[in-house]
Amino acid sequence: MTLKPETALVVAAAVRAFATQPTRDDIVKLVCDRKEPCESFCYPCVSLANRISMLFGGEQR
């Protein structure tokens, strides 16, 4: 398959965005402000991480 330059640019941007999208667990670790690591993630941090993940995915509230 051969892509036109315009299409290749769109595909490259989409692949780059997908590759750099953090996982929910990565986001939880960033937003959590506890001094010691949690054994399991707390609800407020998971909730915030889910909302941030939805924004990365393009979903609007």
Protein backbone atom coordinates (compact mmCIF):
# COMPACT_ATOMS: atom_id res chain seq x y z
CA MET A 1 0.00 0.00 0.00
CA THR A 2 1.22 3.49 -0.80
CA LEU A 3 -0.04 6.50 1.10
CA LYS A 4 -0.30 10.02 -0.20
CA PRO A 5 1.84 12.48 1.78
CA GLU A 6 -1.26 14.06 3.34
CA THR A 7 -2.58 10.69 4.49
CA ALA A 8 0.83 9.59 5.77
CA LEU A 9 1.00 12.73 7.93
CA VAL A 10 -2.39 11.96 9.50
CA VAL A 11 -1.42 8.33 10.11
CA ALA A 12 1.92 9.31 11.65
CA ALA A 13 0.24 11.82 13.98
CA ALA A 14 -2.32 9.22 15.09
CA VAL A 15 0.33 6.58 15.74
CA ARG A 16 2.47 9.06 17.68
CA ALA A 17 -0.50 10.14 19.81
CA PHE A 18 -1.46 6.52 20.52
CA ALA A 19 2.10 5.60 21.47
CA THR A 20 2.44 8.47 23.93
CA GLN A 21 -0.96 8.04 25.58
CA PRO A 22 -0.35 7.10 29.24
CA THR A 23 -2.24 4.25 30.87
CA ARG A 24 -4.72 4.87 33.66
CA ASP A 25 -2.31 3.38 36.19
CA ASP A 26 0.46 5.72 35.01
CA ILE A 27 -1.85 8.68 35.50
CA VAL A 28 -2.89 7.48 38.98
CA LYS A 29 0.76 7.39 40.02
CA LEU A 30 1.19 10.98 38.81
CA VAL A 31 -1.90 12.45 40.48
CA CYS A 32 -1.61 10.64 43.80
CA ASP A 33 -0.16 12.94 46.45
CA ARG A 34 0.38 10.43 49.22
CA LYS A 35 3.86 10.29 50.67
CA GLU A 36 4.05 6.47 50.77
CA PRO A 37 2.92 4.23 47.90
CA CYS A 38 -0.54 2.70 48.22
CA GLU A 39 -1.10 -1.04 48.16
CA SER A 40 -4.03 -0.44 45.83
CA PHE A 41 -5.21 2.74 44.16
CA CYS A 42 -7.81 4.79 46.04
CA TYR A 43 -11.11 5.80 44.48
CA PRO A 44 -10.43 9.57 44.16
CA CYS A 45 -7.16 8.99 42.30
CA VAL A 46 -8.67 6.34 40.02
CA SER A 47 -11.67 8.55 39.30
CA LEU A 48 -9.47 11.49 38.33
CA ALA A 49 -7.23 9.24 36.23
CA ASN A 50 -10.27 7.85 34.40
CA ARG A 51 -11.43 11.38 33.54
CA ILE A 52 -7.95 12.33 32.31
CA SER A 53 -7.77 9.12 30.24
CA MET A 54 -11.10 9.98 28.62
CA LEU A 55 -9.72 13.39 27.64
CA PHE A 56 -6.68 11.72 26.04
CA GLY A 57 -9.12 9.54 24.11
CA GLY A 58 -11.00 12.57 22.82
CA GLU A 59 -14.16 12.06 24.89
CA GLN A 60 -15.93 15.17 26.14
CA ARG A 61 -18.18 15.46 29.17
